[in-house]
Amino acid sequence: MYCDVEIFNFIYSGSVIRFPELYIKSCSKRASAAGKSVYGFKVKIAQLRYEHKYKDYDRLLMSLYEQGWKFIHLKRVNYLRHKLSNIISYQTNIYHLRNNDEEFNKKITVDCSQLLEGIKYGEEVEKTEEENLKNIPHIKIIYEEDLLDNSKFQNTADRVFSYLGIDSFPVESGLKRITKENLEDVIENYKEVENFFKNTGYEKYLG
């Protein structure tokens, strides 16, 4: 199986793609070139909506399904930790930690308003994705439930393999989590953040 990058990310596409289905077909040739029989790529709704400005991106998704493409919806439910990971990456230029890397032991100062904005954006994206996929059969993978614990990787992968109709094979991740379980060990101004989110309905994400 050839797992491609976010092919609609401008970093990889280089410009606005006028004919997305032809572009996807062209990208899919990378699988055979690599000796793989199955091709998949990652895409974010925001890339289709805001970067490439497809007004009919929902029809694009349905068209892909009708052509035989299968959809895997990877989602997160703790939007605070998701945004916090983005902030850490931006401030430290650390995007991934491999298993043999040193632990991330730095604390960062967080802008509470920026964090709240990120949470609300995550909720908006989730709502949009659910709406776009409601008529498209798909499998849902929840990061916190299916991928956060490395011991669940194989079971999660086997569920995906079964859905795709391909044979199972051993999988493992060479990456580890950047943020610690206890956010007080990560956020310098944790008390400020805690007070900011108190009684907002979002304090649940601090746990």
N, C-alpha and C. Protein backbone atom coordinates (compact mmCIF):
# COMPACT_ATOMS: atom_id res chain seq x y z
N MET A 1 0.84 -1.18 0.00
CA MET A 1 0.00 0.00 0.00
C MET A 1 0.89 1.24 0.00
N TYR A 2 0.60 2.16 -0.91
CA TYR A 2 1.36 3.41 -0.99
C TYR A 2 0.54 4.52 -0.34
N CYS A 3 1.02 5.04 0.79
CA CYS A 3 0.31 6.11 1.52
C CYS A 3 0.96 7.45 1.17
N ASP A 4 0.27 8.23 0.38
CA ASP A 4 0.81 9.50 -0.09
C ASP A 4 0.61 10.60 0.95
N VAL A 5 1.18 11.75 0.66
CA VAL A 5 1.09 12.92 1.54
C VAL A 5 -0.25 13.64 1.34
N GLU A 6 -0.39 14.81 1.94
CA GLU A 6 -1.56 15.66 1.70
C GLU A 6 -1.38 16.31 0.33
N ILE A 7 -1.82 15.64 -0.68
CA ILE A 7 -1.50 16.06 -2.05
C ILE A 7 -2.12 17.40 -2.43
N PHE A 8 -3.13 17.86 -1.67
CA PHE A 8 -3.73 19.16 -1.97
C PHE A 8 -3.15 20.27 -1.10
N ASN A 9 -2.18 19.94 -0.28
CA ASN A 9 -1.45 20.95 0.47
C ASN A 9 -0.56 21.70 -0.52
N PHE A 10 -0.57 23.03 -0.47
CA PHE A 10 0.22 23.81 -1.41
C PHE A 10 1.71 23.45 -1.37
N ILE A 11 2.17 22.94 -0.23
CA ILE A 11 3.58 22.54 -0.14
C ILE A 11 3.89 21.48 -1.19
N TYR A 12 2.91 20.63 -1.48
CA TYR A 12 3.11 19.52 -2.42
C TYR A 12 2.50 19.79 -3.80
N SER A 13 1.35 20.46 -3.83
CA SER A 13 0.71 20.71 -5.13
C SER A 13 1.38 21.86 -5.87
N GLY A 14 1.93 22.82 -5.12
CA GLY A 14 2.65 23.93 -5.73
C GLY A 14 1.77 25.07 -6.19
N SER A 15 0.51 24.78 -6.47
CA SER A 15 -0.41 25.81 -6.96
C SER A 15 -1.84 25.28 -6.87
N VAL A 16 -2.79 26.11 -7.26
CA VAL A 16 -4.18 25.69 -7.29
C VAL A 16 -4.36 24.62 -8.37
N ILE A 17 -5.02 23.54 -8.03
CA ILE A 17 -5.26 22.45 -8.97
C ILE A 17 -6.62 22.67 -9.63
N ARG A 18 -6.63 22.92 -10.91
CA ARG A 18 -7.88 23.23 -11.61
C ARG A 18 -8.72 21.99 -11.87
N PHE A 19 -8.07 20.87 -12.10
CA PHE A 19 -8.79 19.63 -12.41
C PHE A 19 -8.41 18.56 -11.37
N PRO A 20 -9.06 18.60 -10.23
CA PRO A 20 -8.64 17.74 -9.10
C PRO A 20 -8.69 16.25 -9.38
N GLU A 21 -9.68 15.78 -10.13
CA GLU A 21 -9.78 14.34 -10.37
C GLU A 21 -8.64 13.85 -11.26
N LEU A 22 -8.28 14.65 -12.25
CA LEU A 22 -7.14 14.28 -13.10
C LEU A 22 -5.84 14.31 -12.29
N TYR A 23 -5.76 15.27 -11.39
CA TYR A 23 -4.58 15.39 -10.52
C TYR A 23 -4.45 14.17 -9.63
N ILE A 24 -5.56 13.74 -9.04
CA ILE A 24 -5.54 12.56 -8.18
C ILE A 24 -5.13 11.33 -8.98
N LYS A 25 -5.68 11.21 -10.18
CA LYS A 25 -5.35 10.06 -11.03
C LYS A 25 -3.86 10.05 -11.35
N SER A 26 -3.31 11.23 -11.61
CA SER A 26 -1.88 11.33 -11.90
C SER A 26 -1.05 10.94 -10.68
N CYS A 27 -1.45 11.44 -9.52
CA CYS A 27 -0.72 11.12 -8.28
C CYS A 27 -0.77 9.62 -7.97
N SER A 28 -1.89 8.99 -8.32
CA SER A 28 -2.07 7.57 -7.98
C SER A 28 -1.06 6.68 -8.71
N LYS A 29 -0.45 7.19 -9.77
CA LYS A 29 0.54 6.41 -10.50
C LYS A 29 1.80 6.16 -9.66
N ARG A 30 1.94 6.93 -8.59
CA ARG A 30 3.10 6.75 -7.72
C ARG A 30 3.11 5.37 -7.08
N ALA A 31 1.92 4.80 -6.90
CA ALA A 31 1.83 3.48 -6.28
C ALA A 31 2.50 2.43 -7.15
N SER A 32 2.11 2.36 -8.41
CA SER A 32 2.69 1.36 -9.31
C SER A 32 4.19 1.59 -9.50
N ALA A 33 4.58 2.88 -9.51
CA ALA A 33 6.01 3.20 -9.67
C ALA A 33 6.82 2.69 -8.48
N ALA A 34 6.14 2.59 -7.32
CA ALA A 34 6.81 2.10 -6.11
C ALA A 34 6.57 0.61 -5.89
N GLY A 35 5.91 -0.03 -6.86
CA GLY A 35 5.66 -1.46 -6.75
C GLY A 35 4.53 -1.81 -5.81
N LYS A 36 3.61 -0.87 -5.59
CA LYS A 36 2.47 -1.09 -4.70
C LYS A 36 1.18 -1.20 -5.51
N SER A 37 0.25 -1.99 -5.00
CA SER A 37 -1.00 -2.22 -5.73
C SER A 37 -2.15 -1.35 -5.23
N VAL A 38 -1.97 -0.73 -4.06
CA VAL A 38 -3.02 0.11 -3.48
C VAL A 38 -2.47 1.50 -3.23
N TYR A 39 -3.25 2.51 -3.59
CA TYR A 39 -2.83 3.91 -3.42
C TYR A 39 -3.81 4.65 -2.52
N GLY A 40 -3.28 5.47 -1.64
CA GLY A 40 -4.12 6.31 -0.80
C GLY A 40 -3.44 7.65 -0.58
N PHE A 41 -4.25 8.66 -0.33
CA PHE A 41 -3.68 9.98 -0.04
C PHE A 41 -4.46 10.64 1.08
N LYS A 42 -3.83 11.63 1.70
CA LYS A 42 -4.47 12.37 2.78
C LYS A 42 -4.99 13.70 2.23
N VAL A 43 -6.10 14.14 2.78
CA VAL A 43 -6.66 15.44 2.36
C VAL A 43 -7.43 16.04 3.52
N LYS A 44 -7.36 17.35 3.64
CA LYS A 44 -8.14 18.07 4.63
C LYS A 44 -9.20 18.90 3.91
N ILE A 45 -10.40 18.93 4.48
CA ILE A 45 -11.48 19.69 3.87
C ILE A 45 -11.07 21.14 3.67
N ALA A 46 -10.33 21.70 4.63
CA ALA A 46 -9.90 23.10 4.54
C ALA A 46 -9.04 23.34 3.30
N GLN A 47 -8.26 22.34 2.90
CA GLN A 47 -7.43 22.49 1.71
C GLN A 47 -8.29 22.62 0.46
N LEU A 48 -9.36 21.84 0.42
CA LEU A 48 -10.26 21.91 -0.74
C LEU A 48 -11.07 23.19 -0.73
N ARG A 49 -11.51 23.61 0.45
CA ARG A 49 -12.39 24.79 0.57
C ARG A 49 -11.64 26.10 0.43
N TYR A 50 -10.53 26.22 1.16
CA TYR A 50 -9.89 27.52 1.28
C TYR A 50 -8.64 27.70 0.42
N GLU A 51 -7.86 26.64 0.25
CA GLU A 51 -6.65 26.78 -0.56
C GLU A 51 -6.96 26.69 -2.05
N HIS A 52 -7.74 25.68 -2.42
CA HIS A 52 -8.07 25.50 -3.84
C HIS A 52 -9.42 26.09 -4.21
N LYS A 53 -10.19 26.49 -3.19
CA LYS A 53 -11.45 27.22 -3.38
C LYS A 53 -12.44 26.47 -4.28
N TYR A 54 -12.57 25.16 -4.04
CA TYR A 54 -13.56 24.38 -4.78
C TYR A 54 -14.94 24.62 -4.16
N LYS A 55 -15.83 25.21 -4.93
CA LYS A 55 -17.18 25.45 -4.42
C LYS A 55 -18.00 24.16 -4.37
N ASP A 56 -17.62 23.19 -5.17
CA ASP A 56 -18.35 21.93 -5.25
C ASP A 56 -17.52 20.76 -4.73
N TYR A 57 -16.71 21.02 -3.70
CA TYR A 57 -15.83 19.95 -3.21
C TYR A 57 -16.61 18.77 -2.67
N ASP A 58 -17.85 19.02 -2.20
CA ASP A 58 -18.68 17.91 -1.72
C ASP A 58 -19.02 16.95 -2.86
N ARG A 59 -19.24 17.52 -4.05
CA ARG A 59 -19.52 16.68 -5.22
C ARG A 59 -18.25 15.95 -5.66
N LEU A 60 -17.11 16.58 -5.45
CA LEU A 60 -15.83 15.92 -5.76
C LEU A 60 -15.68 14.68 -4.90
N LEU A 61 -15.97 14.80 -3.61
CA LEU A 61 -15.86 13.66 -2.70
C LEU A 61 -16.81 12.54 -3.11
N MET A 62 -18.04 12.91 -3.45
CA MET A 62 -19.02 11.90 -3.87
C MET A 62 -18.59 11.23 -5.17
N SER A 63 -18.04 12.02 -6.08
CA SER A 63 -17.57 11.46 -7.36
C SER A 63 -16.46 10.44 -7.12
N LEU A 64 -15.56 10.74 -6.20
CA LEU A 64 -14.48 9.80 -5.89
C LEU A 64 -15.05 8.51 -5.32
N TYR A 65 -16.04 8.64 -4.44
CA TYR A 65 -16.68 7.45 -3.87
C TYR A 65 -17.32 6.61 -4.97
N GLU A 66 -18.00 7.27 -5.89
CA GLU A 66 -18.68 6.55 -6.98
C GLU A 66 -17.68 5.86 -7.90
N GLN A 67 -16.44 6.36 -7.93
CA GLN A 67 -15.41 5.73 -8.76
C GLN A 67 -14.73 4.56 -8.03
N GLY A 68 -15.11 4.36 -6.77
CA GLY A 68 -14.55 3.23 -6.04
C GLY A 68 -13.56 3.58 -4.94
N TRP A 69 -13.31 4.87 -4.75
CA TRP A 69 -12.41 5.27 -3.68
C TRP A 69 -13.07 4.99 -2.33
N LYS A 70 -12.25 4.60 -1.35
CA LYS A 70 -12.76 4.36 0.00
C LYS A 70 -12.24 5.45 0.94
N PHE A 71 -13.08 5.83 1.88
CA PHE A 71 -12.79 6.96 2.75
C PHE A 71 -12.51 6.50 4.18
N ILE A 72 -11.44 7.05 4.74
CA ILE A 72 -11.10 6.83 6.14
C ILE A 72 -11.11 8.20 6.81
N HIS A 73 -11.98 8.38 7.77
CA HIS A 73 -12.10 9.67 8.46
C HIS A 73 -11.29 9.63 9.75
N LEU A 74 -10.15 10.30 9.73
CA LEU A 74 -9.31 10.40 10.92
C LEU A 74 -9.67 11.68 11.65
N LYS A 75 -10.09 11.56 12.89
CA LYS A 75 -10.52 12.74 13.64
C LYS A 75 -9.92 12.75 15.04
N ARG A 76 -9.94 13.93 15.63
CA ARG A 76 -9.54 14.10 17.02
C ARG A 76 -10.72 14.65 17.79
N VAL A 77 -10.79 14.33 19.06
CA VAL A 77 -11.89 14.83 19.88
C VAL A 77 -11.41 15.83 20.93
N ASN A 78 -10.11 15.81 21.24
CA ASN A 78 -9.57 16.79 22.18
C ASN A 78 -8.94 17.91 21.37
N TYR A 79 -9.75 18.91 21.04
CA TYR A 79 -9.28 19.99 20.18
C TYR A 79 -8.24 20.85 20.87
N LEU A 80 -8.29 20.91 22.21
CA LEU A 80 -7.30 21.72 22.92
C LEU A 80 -5.90 21.13 22.74
N ARG A 81 -5.77 19.83 22.93
CA ARG A 81 -4.45 19.20 22.76
C ARG A 81 -3.98 19.29 21.31
N HIS A 82 -4.93 19.20 20.39
CA HIS A 82 -4.58 19.31 18.97
C HIS A 82 -3.99 20.69 18.69
N LYS A 83 -4.69 21.73 19.15
CA LYS A 83 -4.19 23.09 18.94
C LYS A 83 -2.89 23.31 19.69
N LEU A 84 -2.78 22.76 20.89
CA LEU A 84 -1.56 22.90 21.68
C LEU A 84 -0.37 22.28 20.95
N SER A 85 -0.59 21.14 20.32
CA SER A 85 0.48 20.51 19.53
C SER A 85 0.94 21.42 18.40
N ASN A 86 -0.04 22.09 17.77
CA ASN A 86 0.30 23.03 16.69
C ASN A 86 1.11 24.21 17.22
N ILE A 87 0.72 24.71 18.40
CA ILE A 87 1.43 25.84 18.99
C ILE A 87 2.86 25.45 19.36
N ILE A 88 3.01 24.25 19.93
CA ILE A 88 4.35 23.76 20.28
C ILE A 88 5.22 23.66 19.03
N SER A 89 4.66 23.10 17.97
CA SER A 89 5.41 22.95 16.73
C SER A 89 5.83 24.31 16.18
N TYR A 90 4.92 25.28 16.26
CA TYR A 90 5.21 26.63 15.73
C TYR A 90 6.31 27.30 16.55
N GLN A 91 6.23 27.17 17.89
CA GLN A 91 7.19 27.85 18.76
C GLN A 91 8.56 27.17 18.80
N THR A 92 8.59 25.87 18.62
CA THR A 92 9.84 25.12 18.78
C THR A 92 10.39 24.54 17.48
N ASN A 93 9.58 24.56 16.43
CA ASN A 93 9.93 23.95 15.15
C ASN A 93 10.12 22.44 15.27
N ILE A 94 9.48 21.85 16.30
CA ILE A 94 9.49 20.39 16.48
C ILE A 94 8.13 19.86 16.08
N TYR A 95 8.08 19.07 15.04
CA TYR A 95 6.81 18.57 14.53
C TYR A 95 6.58 17.10 14.87
N HIS A 96 7.67 16.37 15.06
CA HIS A 96 7.56 14.94 15.40
C HIS A 96 8.69 14.58 16.36
N LEU A 97 8.43 13.62 17.20
CA LEU A 97 9.47 13.03 18.04
C LEU A 97 9.53 11.54 17.75
N ARG A 98 10.73 11.06 17.42
CA ARG A 98 10.89 9.63 17.19
C ARG A 98 11.15 8.94 18.53
N ASN A 99 10.94 7.65 18.54
CA ASN A 99 11.01 6.90 19.79
C ASN A 99 12.37 7.03 20.49
N ASN A 100 13.43 7.21 19.71
CA ASN A 100 14.77 7.31 20.31
C ASN A 100 15.18 8.76 20.57
N ASP A 101 14.29 9.72 20.30
CA ASP A 101 14.57 11.13 20.59
C ASP A 101 14.39 11.40 22.08
N GLU A 102 15.05 12.44 22.56
CA GLU A 102 14.86 12.85 23.94
C GLU A 102 13.44 13.36 24.15
N GLU A 103 12.95 13.22 25.38
CA GLU A 103 11.61 13.70 25.69
C GLU A 103 11.55 15.22 25.54
N PHE A 104 10.37 15.72 25.17
CA PHE A 104 10.18 17.17 25.09
C PHE A 104 9.90 17.68 26.50
N ASN A 105 10.84 18.42 27.08
CA ASN A 105 10.72 18.84 28.47
C ASN A 105 10.57 20.35 28.63
N LYS A 106 10.36 21.05 27.55
CA LYS A 106 10.21 22.50 27.64
C LYS A 106 8.76 22.86 27.94
N LYS A 107 8.60 24.00 28.60
CA LYS A 107 7.26 24.54 28.81
C LYS A 107 7.05 25.73 27.88
N ILE A 108 5.83 25.89 27.41
CA ILE A 108 5.53 27.00 26.52
C ILE A 108 4.45 27.88 27.16
N THR A 109 4.48 29.16 26.81
CA THR A 109 3.46 30.09 27.26
C THR A 109 2.39 30.17 26.18
N VAL A 110 1.14 30.02 26.60
CA VAL A 110 0.04 29.91 25.66
C VAL A 110 -0.85 31.14 25.71
N ASP A 111 -1.23 31.64 24.55
CA ASP A 111 -2.22 32.71 24.44
C ASP A 111 -3.60 32.06 24.55
N CYS A 112 -4.32 32.36 25.62
CA CYS A 112 -5.61 31.70 25.87
C CYS A 112 -6.61 31.94 24.75
N SER A 113 -6.64 33.15 24.23
CA SER A 113 -7.59 33.47 23.15
C SER A 113 -7.25 32.68 21.89
N GLN A 114 -5.96 32.54 21.62
CA GLN A 114 -5.53 31.76 20.46
C GLN A 114 -5.91 30.30 20.63
N LEU A 115 -5.78 29.80 21.85
CA LEU A 115 -6.13 28.41 22.12
C LEU A 115 -7.63 28.20 21.95
N LEU A 116 -8.44 29.13 22.44
CA LEU A 116 -9.89 29.04 22.30
C LEU A 116 -10.29 29.09 20.83
N GLU A 117 -9.64 29.97 20.08
CA GLU A 117 -9.92 30.07 18.65
C GLU A 117 -9.63 28.75 17.95
N GLY A 118 -8.54 28.10 18.35
CA GLY A 118 -8.18 26.81 17.76
C GLY A 118 -9.19 25.73 18.08
N ILE A 119 -9.71 25.74 19.31
CA ILE A 119 -10.73 24.77 19.71
C ILE A 119 -12.00 24.95 18.89
N LYS A 120 -12.43 26.20 18.75
CA LYS A 120 -13.65 26.48 17.99
C LYS A 120 -13.48 26.12 16.52
N TYR A 121 -12.28 26.37 16.00
CA TYR A 121 -12.01 25.99 14.61
C TYR A 121 -12.08 24.48 14.45
N GLY A 122 -11.52 23.75 15.43
CA GLY A 122 -11.58 22.29 15.38
C GLY A 122 -13.01 21.79 15.38
N GLU A 123 -13.86 22.42 16.17
CA GLU A 123 -15.27 22.03 16.21
C GLU A 123 -15.95 22.31 14.88
N GLU A 124 -15.60 23.44 14.28
CA GLU A 124 -16.19 23.80 12.99
C GLU A 124 -15.77 22.80 11.91
N VAL A 125 -14.49 22.44 11.91
CA VAL A 125 -13.99 21.47 10.93
C VAL A 125 -14.68 20.13 11.11
N GLU A 126 -14.82 19.71 12.36
CA GLU A 126 -15.48 18.43 12.65
C GLU A 126 -16.91 18.43 12.13
N LYS A 127 -17.63 19.51 12.37
CA LYS A 127 -19.01 19.61 11.91
C LYS A 127 -19.08 19.53 10.38
N THR A 128 -18.17 20.23 9.72
CA THR A 128 -18.14 20.23 8.25
C THR A 128 -17.81 18.85 7.71
N GLU A 129 -16.83 18.18 8.30
CA GLU A 129 -16.44 16.85 7.84
C GLU A 129 -17.58 15.85 8.00
N GLU A 130 -18.25 15.91 9.15
CA GLU A 130 -19.37 15.00 9.38
C GLU A 130 -20.47 15.24 8.36
N GLU A 131 -20.71 16.50 8.04
CA GLU A 131 -21.75 16.83 7.06
C GLU A 131 -21.37 16.33 5.67
N ASN A 132 -20.10 16.51 5.30
CA ASN A 132 -19.65 16.10 3.97
C ASN A 132 -19.61 14.59 3.80
N LEU A 133 -19.45 13.87 4.90
CA LEU A 133 -19.32 12.41 4.82
C LEU A 133 -20.59 11.66 5.18
N LYS A 134 -21.65 12.38 5.50
CA LYS A 134 -22.86 11.70 5.99
C LYS A 134 -23.48 10.78 4.95
N ASN A 135 -23.28 11.06 3.67
CA ASN A 135 -23.85 10.22 2.61
C ASN A 135 -22.80 9.35 1.93
N ILE A 136 -21.59 9.34 2.50
CA ILE A 136 -20.50 8.55 1.92
C ILE A 136 -20.07 7.49 2.93
N PRO A 137 -20.23 6.21 2.62
CA PRO A 137 -19.77 5.16 3.54
C PRO A 137 -18.28 5.34 3.85
N HIS A 138 -17.92 5.22 5.10
CA HIS A 138 -16.52 5.40 5.49
C HIS A 138 -16.26 4.72 6.82
N ILE A 139 -15.00 4.61 7.14
CA ILE A 139 -14.59 4.09 8.44
C ILE A 139 -14.03 5.26 9.24
N LYS A 140 -14.31 5.29 10.53
CA LYS A 140 -13.87 6.40 11.38
C LYS A 140 -12.78 5.93 12.33
N ILE A 141 -11.67 6.66 12.35
CA ILE A 141 -10.57 6.38 13.26
C ILE A 141 -10.41 7.60 14.17
N ILE A 142 -10.55 7.39 15.47
CA ILE A 142 -10.44 8.48 16.43
C ILE A 142 -9.06 8.42 17.08
N TYR A 143 -8.30 9.47 16.93
CA TYR A 143 -6.91 9.49 17.40
C TYR A 143 -6.78 9.09 18.86
N GLU A 144 -7.59 9.72 19.72
CA GLU A 144 -7.46 9.47 21.15
C GLU A 144 -7.83 8.04 21.54
N GLU A 145 -8.71 7.42 20.79
CA GLU A 145 -9.16 6.07 21.12
C GLU A 145 -8.40 4.98 20.37
N ASP A 146 -7.98 5.29 19.15
CA ASP A 146 -7.43 4.24 18.28
C ASP A 146 -5.94 4.34 18.01
N LEU A 147 -5.32 5.51 18.25
CA LEU A 147 -3.93 5.68 17.87
C LEU A 147 -3.03 6.21 18.97
N LEU A 148 -3.60 6.87 19.97
CA LEU A 148 -2.78 7.48 21.02
C LEU A 148 -1.96 6.44 21.77
N ASP A 149 -2.58 5.31 22.05
CA ASP A 149 -1.91 4.19 22.72
C ASP A 149 -1.28 3.29 21.65
N ASN A 150 0.04 3.22 21.65
CA ASN A 150 0.74 2.44 20.61
C ASN A 150 0.32 0.98 20.57
N SER A 151 -0.15 0.45 21.70
CA SER A 151 -0.54 -0.96 21.74
C SER A 151 -1.79 -1.23 20.92
N LYS A 152 -2.49 -0.16 20.52
CA LYS A 152 -3.71 -0.32 19.74
C LYS A 152 -3.47 -0.21 18.24
N PHE A 153 -2.24 0.08 17.86
CA PHE A 153 -1.92 0.29 16.44
C PHE A 153 -2.35 -0.88 15.57
N GLN A 154 -1.95 -2.09 15.98
CA GLN A 154 -2.20 -3.24 15.12
C GLN A 154 -3.69 -3.50 14.96
N ASN A 155 -4.45 -3.44 16.05
CA ASN A 155 -5.90 -3.65 15.95
C ASN A 155 -6.55 -2.61 15.06
N THR A 156 -6.11 -1.36 15.21
CA THR A 156 -6.65 -0.29 14.37
C THR A 156 -6.29 -0.52 12.91
N ALA A 157 -5.03 -0.88 12.68
CA ALA A 157 -4.58 -1.13 11.31
C ALA A 157 -5.34 -2.30 10.69
N ASP A 158 -5.56 -3.35 11.47
CA ASP A 158 -6.29 -4.51 10.95
C ASP A 158 -7.72 -4.15 10.58
N ARG A 159 -8.31 -3.25 11.34
CA ARG A 159 -9.67 -2.80 11.02
C ARG A 159 -9.67 -2.05 9.68
N VAL A 160 -8.65 -1.25 9.47
CA VAL A 160 -8.52 -0.52 8.21
C VAL A 160 -8.24 -1.47 7.05
N PHE A 161 -7.34 -2.43 7.27
CA PHE A 161 -7.02 -3.40 6.22
C PHE A 161 -8.26 -4.17 5.80
N SER A 162 -9.05 -4.59 6.77
CA SER A 162 -10.28 -5.32 6.48
C SER A 162 -11.24 -4.47 5.67
N TYR A 163 -11.35 -3.21 6.04
CA TYR A 163 -12.23 -2.28 5.32
C TYR A 163 -11.78 -2.09 3.87
N LEU A 164 -10.47 -2.04 3.68
CA LEU A 164 -9.92 -1.85 2.33
C LEU A 164 -9.87 -3.14 1.53
N GLY A 165 -10.05 -4.28 2.21
CA GLY A 165 -10.02 -5.55 1.51
C GLY A 165 -8.62 -6.01 1.17
N ILE A 166 -7.66 -5.68 2.01
CA ILE A 166 -6.28 -6.11 1.77
C ILE A 166 -5.79 -6.93 2.96
N ASP A 167 -4.75 -7.72 2.73
CA ASP A 167 -4.22 -8.58 3.78
C ASP A 167 -3.58 -7.77 4.90
N SER A 168 -3.70 -8.29 6.10
CA SER A 168 -3.07 -7.65 7.25
C SER A 168 -1.56 -7.85 7.22
N PHE A 169 -0.83 -6.90 7.76
CA PHE A 169 0.61 -7.06 7.94
C PHE A 169 1.02 -6.26 9.18
N PRO A 170 2.13 -6.61 9.79
CA PRO A 170 2.55 -5.95 11.04
C PRO A 170 2.84 -4.47 10.83
N VAL A 171 2.39 -3.65 11.77
CA VAL A 171 2.65 -2.21 11.70
C VAL A 171 3.22 -1.74 13.04
N GLU A 172 3.94 -0.67 12.99
CA GLU A 172 4.44 -0.03 14.20
C GLU A 172 4.73 1.42 13.88
N SER A 173 4.78 2.24 14.91
CA SER A 173 5.08 3.66 14.72
C SER A 173 6.44 3.98 15.31
N GLY A 174 7.20 4.77 14.59
CA GLY A 174 8.48 5.21 15.10
C GLY A 174 8.38 6.54 15.81
N LEU A 175 7.13 7.03 15.99
CA LEU A 175 6.92 8.34 16.59
C LEU A 175 6.32 8.22 17.98
N LYS A 176 6.52 9.25 18.78
CA LYS A 176 5.89 9.30 20.10
C LYS A 176 5.28 10.68 20.31
N ARG A 177 4.43 10.76 21.28
CA ARG A 177 3.68 11.97 21.58
C ARG A 177 4.60 13.08 22.08
N ILE A 178 4.34 14.32 21.63
CA ILE A 178 5.13 15.46 22.08
C ILE A 178 4.61 15.98 23.42
N THR A 179 3.29 16.20 23.51
CA THR A 179 2.71 16.74 24.74
C THR A 179 2.60 15.67 25.82
N LYS A 180 2.88 16.05 27.04
CA LYS A 180 2.79 15.12 28.15
C LYS A 180 1.34 14.96 28.59
N GLU A 181 1.08 13.90 29.34
CA GLU A 181 -0.28 13.64 29.81
C GLU A 181 -0.77 14.76 30.71
N ASN A 182 0.10 15.22 31.61
CA ASN A 182 -0.23 16.31 32.52
C ASN A 182 0.12 17.64 31.86
N LEU A 183 -0.88 18.43 31.52
CA LEU A 183 -0.64 19.67 30.79
C LEU A 183 0.10 20.70 31.62
N GLU A 184 0.10 20.56 32.95
CA GLU A 184 0.87 21.48 33.79
C GLU A 184 2.36 21.34 33.52
N ASP A 185 2.76 20.18 32.98
CA ASP A 185 4.17 19.96 32.65
C ASP A 185 4.53 20.54 31.29
N VAL A 186 3.53 21.05 30.58
CA VAL A 186 3.76 21.56 29.22
C VAL A 186 3.50 23.06 29.13
N ILE A 187 2.45 23.52 29.83
CA ILE A 187 2.02 24.91 29.72
C ILE A 187 2.57 25.72 30.90
N GLU A 188 3.39 26.72 30.59
CA GLU A 188 4.00 27.56 31.63
C GLU A 188 2.94 28.30 32.44
N ASN A 189 1.95 28.84 31.74
CA ASN A 189 0.88 29.61 32.39
C ASN A 189 -0.39 28.77 32.52
N TYR A 190 -0.22 27.56 33.03
CA TYR A 190 -1.35 26.62 33.10
C TYR A 190 -2.50 27.17 33.93
N LYS A 191 -2.21 27.79 35.07
CA LYS A 191 -3.28 28.30 35.93
C LYS A 191 -4.10 29.36 35.20
N GLU A 192 -3.44 30.19 34.42
CA GLU A 192 -4.14 31.20 33.62
C GLU A 192 -5.07 30.52 32.62
N VAL A 193 -4.56 29.48 31.97
CA VAL A 193 -5.37 28.74 31.00
C VAL A 193 -6.55 28.07 31.70
N GLU A 194 -6.28 27.47 32.84
CA GLU A 194 -7.33 26.78 33.60
C GLU A 194 -8.45 27.75 33.99
N ASN A 195 -8.06 28.92 34.48
CA ASN A 195 -9.06 29.92 34.88
C ASN A 195 -9.81 30.47 33.69
N PHE A 196 -9.12 30.61 32.56
CA PHE A 196 -9.75 31.15 31.35
C PHE A 196 -10.86 30.23 30.86
N PHE A 197 -10.62 28.93 30.94
CA PHE A 197 -11.58 27.97 30.39
C PHE A 197 -12.60 27.48 31.42
N LYS A 198 -12.45 27.92 32.66
CA LYS A 198 -13.35 27.48 33.71
C LYS A 198 -14.79 27.90 33.41
N ASN A 199 -15.71 26.95 33.53
CA ASN A 199 -17.14 27.19 33.31
C ASN A 199 -17.49 27.62 31.89
N THR A 200 -16.65 27.27 30.93
CA THR A 200 -16.94 27.60 29.53
C THR A 200 -17.48 26.40 28.76
N GLY A 201 -17.37 25.22 29.37
CA GLY A 201 -17.74 24.01 28.65
C GLY A 201 -16.54 23.37 27.98
N TYR A 202 -15.43 24.12 27.91
CA TYR A 202 -14.22 23.61 27.27
C TYR A 202 -13.20 23.10 28.27
N GLU A 203 -13.47 23.27 29.57
CA GLU A 203 -12.51 22.82 30.57
C GLU A 203 -12.32 21.31 30.54
N LYS A 204 -13.27 20.61 29.91
CA LYS A 204 -13.15 19.14 29.79
C LYS A 204 -11.90 18.74 29.01
N TYR A 205 -11.44 19.63 28.13
CA TYR A 205 -10.28 19.31 27.31
C TYR A 205 -8.96 19.39 28.09
N LEU A 206 -9.01 19.96 29.29
CA LEU A 206 -7.80 20.09 30.09
C LEU A 206 -7.42 18.78 30.77
N GLY A 207 -8.39 17.85 30.85
CA GLY A 207 -8.15 16.58 31.53
C GLY A 207 -7.28 15.64 30.73
